[in-house]
Amino acid sequence: MPLKTTVDIDGRIEDVDTVEYAGGLWLVPGWKSDVGRWRRPSHLIRIDTLPHQEDRSGHYRLKVPLPRDLFDPNFSVWSWVPGYEVGLPPYEMTFPMPETVQ
């Protein structure tokens, strides 16, 4: 299940899903539906190389603002934003869809 990170995105504070992958912490700016009850990250933004802190509950807070361009749903790895490591998730990286409240 994804973690959460509080992020300042161009002056707007948001909680963003976060996953641990390949020895790092990565923000998940958006999700794509996969087959059945599964979803995949649209793309990943590495944050463990940026100033951040973890609280006792395992929630993270990024200490530097991020540009909104990194969160564009049409972001491509070819849409380079200097100073940030951004990538596509591996095909096998899937997570269950969150339970909906009735």
Protein backbone atom coordinates (compact mmCIF):
# COMPACT_ATOMS: atom_id res chain seq x y z
CA MET A 1 0.00 0.00 0.00
CA PRO A 2 1.44 3.41 -0.90
CA LEU A 3 2.73 5.79 1.76
CA LYS A 4 1.98 9.55 1.72
CA THR A 5 4.25 12.56 1.35
CA THR A 6 3.23 16.17 1.99
CA VAL A 7 4.53 18.27 -0.90
CA ASP A 8 4.46 21.97 -1.79
CA ILE A 9 3.55 21.99 -5.49
CA ASP A 10 3.99 25.55 -6.73
CA GLY A 11 2.64 26.95 -3.45
CA ARG A 12 -0.20 24.45 -2.97
CA ILE A 13 0.25 21.83 -0.20
CA GLU A 14 -0.84 18.33 -1.23
CA ASP A 15 -0.50 14.78 0.09
CA VAL A 16 0.91 12.59 -2.67
CA ASP A 17 1.08 8.79 -2.80
CA THR A 18 4.63 7.52 -2.32
CA VAL A 19 6.20 4.11 -2.93
CA GLU A 20 9.51 2.51 -2.04
CA TYR A 21 11.26 1.16 -5.13
CA ALA A 22 14.85 0.25 -6.06
CA GLY A 23 16.20 1.51 -2.74
CA GLY A 24 14.52 4.91 -3.03
CA LEU A 25 11.34 6.84 -2.24
CA TRP A 26 9.25 7.85 -5.24
CA LEU A 27 6.19 10.10 -5.53
CA VAL A 28 3.31 8.76 -7.61
CA PRO A 29 1.72 11.81 -9.27
CA GLY A 30 -1.12 9.78 -10.75
CA TRP A 31 -2.46 6.30 -11.33
CA LYS A 32 -3.50 4.33 -14.39
CA SER A 33 -6.08 1.58 -14.14
CA ASP A 34 -4.77 -1.84 -14.96
CA VAL A 35 -6.56 -5.13 -15.50
CA GLY A 36 -9.14 -6.00 -12.85
CA ARG A 37 -8.74 -4.43 -9.42
CA TRP A 38 -5.16 -3.23 -9.95
CA ARG A 39 -3.56 0.12 -10.77
CA ARG A 40 -0.11 1.27 -11.86
CA PRO A 41 1.76 4.54 -11.25
CA SER A 42 1.64 6.90 -14.25
CA HIS A 43 5.25 7.88 -13.56
CA LEU A 44 7.59 8.23 -10.58
CA ILE A 45 9.49 11.19 -9.05
CA ARG A 46 12.41 10.29 -6.80
CA ILE A 47 12.42 12.19 -3.48
CA ASP A 48 14.88 10.42 -1.17
CA THR A 49 17.66 12.43 -2.87
CA LEU A 50 15.84 15.68 -1.95
CA PRO A 51 15.56 17.21 1.57
CA HIS A 52 12.73 15.40 3.37
CA GLN A 53 11.75 14.09 6.79
CA GLU A 54 9.72 11.16 8.09
CA ASP A 55 7.34 11.40 11.02
CA ARG A 56 6.58 8.63 13.51
CA SER A 57 3.63 7.35 11.48
CA GLY A 58 5.76 6.77 8.37
CA HIS A 59 4.38 9.85 6.60
CA TYR A 60 6.97 11.97 4.76
CA ARG A 61 7.28 15.71 4.24
CA LEU A 62 9.32 17.13 1.40
CA LYS A 63 11.22 20.24 2.50
CA VAL A 64 11.54 21.79 -0.96
CA PRO A 65 8.76 22.83 -3.37
CA LEU A 66 8.27 20.95 -6.62
CA PRO A 67 7.18 22.42 -9.95
CA ARG A 68 3.65 21.58 -11.13
CA ASP A 69 5.13 20.40 -14.46
CA LEU A 70 6.29 17.20 -12.73
CA PHE A 71 2.66 16.34 -11.90
CA ASP A 72 1.22 16.82 -15.40
CA PRO A 73 -0.93 13.73 -16.19
CA ASN A 74 0.53 13.80 -19.71
CA PHE A 75 4.09 13.92 -18.38
CA SER A 76 6.53 11.89 -20.41
CA VAL A 77 10.03 10.83 -19.42
CA TRP A 78 11.03 12.93 -22.42
CA SER A 79 9.56 16.00 -20.65
CA TRP A 80 12.79 16.66 -18.82
CA VAL A 81 12.66 18.93 -15.76
CA PRO A 82 16.21 19.85 -14.65
CA GLY A 83 17.26 18.67 -11.18
CA TYR A 84 14.70 15.86 -10.76
CA GLU A 85 14.91 12.13 -11.34
CA VAL A 86 11.71 11.01 -13.05
CA GLY A 87 10.96 7.62 -14.53
CA LEU A 88 8.38 5.13 -15.64
CA PRO A 89 7.52 2.29 -13.27
CA PRO A 90 8.39 -1.27 -14.24
CA TYR A 91 5.49 -3.19 -15.76
CA GLU A 92 5.16 -5.48 -12.73
CA MET A 93 4.69 -2.53 -10.30
CA THR A 94 0.99 -2.80 -9.50
CA PHE A 95 -1.09 -1.99 -6.43
CA PRO A 96 -4.64 -2.94 -5.46
CA MET A 97 -7.29 -0.35 -6.19
CA PRO A 98 -8.27 1.49 -3.01
CA GLU A 99 -11.47 0.33 -1.39
CA THR A 100 -14.39 2.61 -2.13
CA VAL A 101 -16.58 3.75 0.70
CA GLN A 102 -20.27 2.99 0.12
